[in-house]
C-alpha atoms as a PDB file:
ATOM      1  CA  UNK A   1     201.682 109.800  80.219  1.00  0.00           C
ATOM      2  CA  UNK A   2     201.072 110.448  83.887  1.00  0.00           C
ATOM      3  CA  UNK A   3     197.742 110.025  85.588  1.00  0.00           C
ATOM      4  CA  UNK A   4     196.613 113.488  86.678  1.00  0.00           C
ATOM      5  CA  UNK A   5     192.845 113.026  86.776  1.00  0.00           C
ATOM      6  CA  UNK A   6     191.998 115.751  84.279  1.00  0.00           C
ATOM      7  CA  UNK A   7     191.623 114.130  80.863  1.00  0.00           C
ATOM      8  CA  UNK A   8     188.718 111.963  79.757  1.00  0.00           C
ATOM      9  CA  UNK A   9     191.091 108.977  79.588  1.00  0.00           C
ATOM     10  CA  UNK A  10     192.224 109.585  83.187  1.00  0.00           C
ATOM     11  CA  UNK A  11     188.599 109.739  84.351  1.00  0.00           C
ATOM     12  CA  UNK A  12     187.792 106.478  82.507  1.00  0.00           C
ATOM     13  CA  UNK A  13     190.798 104.759  84.065  1.00  0.00           C
ATOM     14  CA  UNK A  14     189.786 105.922  87.549  1.00  0.00           C
ATOM     15  CA  UNK A  15     186.142 104.879  87.051  1.00  0.00           C
ATOM     16  CA  UNK A  16     187.093 101.378  85.915  1.00  0.00           C
ATOM     17  CA  UNK A  17     189.712 100.717  88.571  1.00  0.00           C
ATOM     18  CA  UNK A  18     192.478 100.753  85.979  1.00  0.00           C
ATOM     19  CA  UNK A  19     195.873  99.538  87.043  1.00  0.00           C
ATOM     20  CA  UNK A  20     199.045  98.798  85.165  1.00  0.00           C
ATOM     21  CA  UNK A  21     198.576  95.356  83.638  1.00  0.00           C
ATOM     22  CA  UNK A  22     201.258  92.769  84.158  1.00  0.00           C
ATOM     23  CA  UNK A  23     202.438  91.117  80.973  1.00  0.00           C
ATOM     24  CA  UNK A  24     201.761  87.382  81.242  1.00  0.00           C
ATOM     25  CA  UNK A  25     200.994  84.515  78.937  1.00  0.00           C
ATOM     26  CA  UNK A  26     197.254  83.938  78.753  1.00  0.00           C
ATOM     27  CA  UNK A  27     195.309  81.159  77.060  1.00  0.00           C
ATOM     28  CA  UNK A  28     191.901  81.219  75.380  1.00  0.00           C
ATOM     29  CA  UNK A  29     189.316  79.041  77.141  1.00  0.00           C
ATOM     30  CA  UNK A  30     187.680  78.203  73.792  1.00  0.00           C
ATOM     31  CA  UNK A  31     190.548  77.252  71.469  1.00  0.00           C
ATOM     32  CA  UNK A  32     193.130  76.604  74.247  1.00  0.00           C
ATOM     33  CA  UNK A  33     195.815  78.559  72.330  1.00  0.00           C
ATOM     34  CA  UNK A  34     198.084  81.306  73.679  1.00  0.00           C
ATOM     35  CA  UNK A  35     196.383  84.607  72.944  1.00  0.00           C
ATOM     36  CA  UNK A  36     196.477  88.369  73.254  1.00  0.00           C
ATOM     37  CA  UNK A  37     194.134  89.880  75.814  1.00  0.00           C
ATOM     38  CA  UNK A  38     191.573  92.604  75.176  1.00  0.00           C
ATOM     39  CA  UNK A  39     189.605  94.486  77.814  1.00  0.00           C
ATOM     40  CA  UNK A  40     185.899  94.897  77.059  1.00  0.00           C
ATOM     41  CA  UNK A  41     183.088  96.582  78.972  1.00  0.00           C
ATOM     42  CA  UNK A  42     180.305  94.086  79.783  1.00  0.00           C
ATOM     43  CA  UNK A  43     178.425  96.472  82.083  1.00  0.00           C
ATOM     44  CA  UNK A  44     174.822  97.477  81.420  1.00  0.00           C
ATOM     45  CA  UNK A  45     175.804 101.094  80.694  1.00  0.00           C
ATOM     46  CA  UNK A  46     173.554 104.003  81.632  1.00  0.00           C
ATOM     47  CA  UNK A  47     170.686 103.310  83.995  1.00  0.00           C
ATOM     48  CA  UNK A  48     168.072 105.061  86.106  1.00  0.00           C
ATOM     49  CA  UNK A  49     166.658 103.702  89.347  1.00  0.00           C
ATOM     50  CA  UNK A  50     163.942 105.717  91.082  1.00  0.00           C
ATOM     51  CA  UNK A  51     165.277 108.947  89.611  1.00  0.00           C
ATOM     52  CA  UNK A  52     168.927 108.240  90.461  1.00  0.00           C
ATOM     53  CA  UNK A  53     171.101 107.877  87.372  1.00  0.00           C
ATOM     54  CA  UNK A  54     174.418 106.122  86.954  1.00  0.00           C
ATOM     55  CA  UNK A  55     176.652 104.180  84.609  1.00  0.00           C
ATOM     56  CA  UNK A  56     177.518 100.533  85.194  1.00  0.00           C
ATOM     57  CA  UNK A  57     180.994  99.568  83.998  1.00  0.00           C
ATOM     58  CA  UNK A  58     182.287  96.000  84.198  1.00  0.00           C
ATOM     59  CA  UNK A  59     185.654  95.640  82.486  1.00  0.00           C
ATOM     60  CA  UNK A  60     186.630  92.025  81.771  1.00  0.00           C
ATOM     61  CA  UNK A  61     189.569  90.434  79.971  1.00  0.00           C
ATOM     62  CA  UNK A  62     188.744  88.328  76.915  1.00  0.00           C
ATOM     63  CA  UNK A  63     190.865  86.626  74.278  1.00  0.00           C
ATOM     64  CA  UNK A  64     191.470  88.578  71.086  1.00  0.00           C
ATOM     65  CA  UNK A  65     191.075  85.422  68.954  1.00  0.00           C
ATOM     66  CA  UNK A  66     187.664  84.126  70.108  1.00  0.00           C
ATOM     67  CA  UNK A  67     186.341  86.741  72.541  1.00  0.00           C
ATOM     68  CA  UNK A  68     186.127  84.162  75.332  1.00  0.00           C
ATOM     69  CA  UNK A  69     187.410  84.035  78.922  1.00  0.00           C
ATOM     70  CA  UNK A  70     191.186  83.923  79.353  1.00  0.00           C
ATOM     71  CA  UNK A  71     193.047  81.415  81.522  1.00  0.00           C
ATOM     72  CA  UNK A  72     196.471  81.591  83.174  1.00  0.00           C
ATOM     73  CA  UNK A  73     197.313  78.019  82.125  1.00  0.00           C
ATOM     74  CA  UNK A  74     196.053  75.960  79.178  1.00  0.00           C
ATOM     75  CA  UNK A  75     193.394  73.358  79.919  1.00  0.00           C
ATOM     76  CA  UNK A  76     194.471  69.729  79.733  1.00  0.00           C
ATOM     77  CA  UNK A  77     192.736  67.518  77.185  1.00  0.00           C
ATOM     78  CA  UNK A  78     190.262  65.039  78.673  1.00  0.00           C
ATOM     79  CA  UNK A  79     191.091  62.548  75.895  1.00  0.00           C
ATOM     80  CA  UNK A  80     194.614  62.045  77.270  1.00  0.00           C
ATOM     81  CA  UNK A  81     193.224  60.897  80.637  1.00  0.00           C
ATOM     82  CA  UNK A  82     190.805  58.406  79.023  1.00  0.00           C
ATOM     83  CA  UNK A  83     193.571  56.714  77.010  1.00  0.00           C
ATOM     84  CA  UNK A  84     195.480  55.708  80.154  1.00  0.00           C
ATOM     85  CA  UNK A  85     192.604  53.845  81.799  1.00  0.00           C
END
């Protein structure tokens, strides 16, 4: 489907700075496992400030398994470093 700026989905993609996502391996910062990525809106939503209205949108990537931040590489265990000392 082409982006033509007329449908509600096109408007949402433009408002959130949507771009074609590159497919990469991502890792959950909580469980340190490879995970699927979901995009969630953590913005405050509708607001009014001195009569001016707007909508705050903050799209962030989170892991599908735990809902936590995603990392490009898995974290190394701290226990492995302690065993070598």
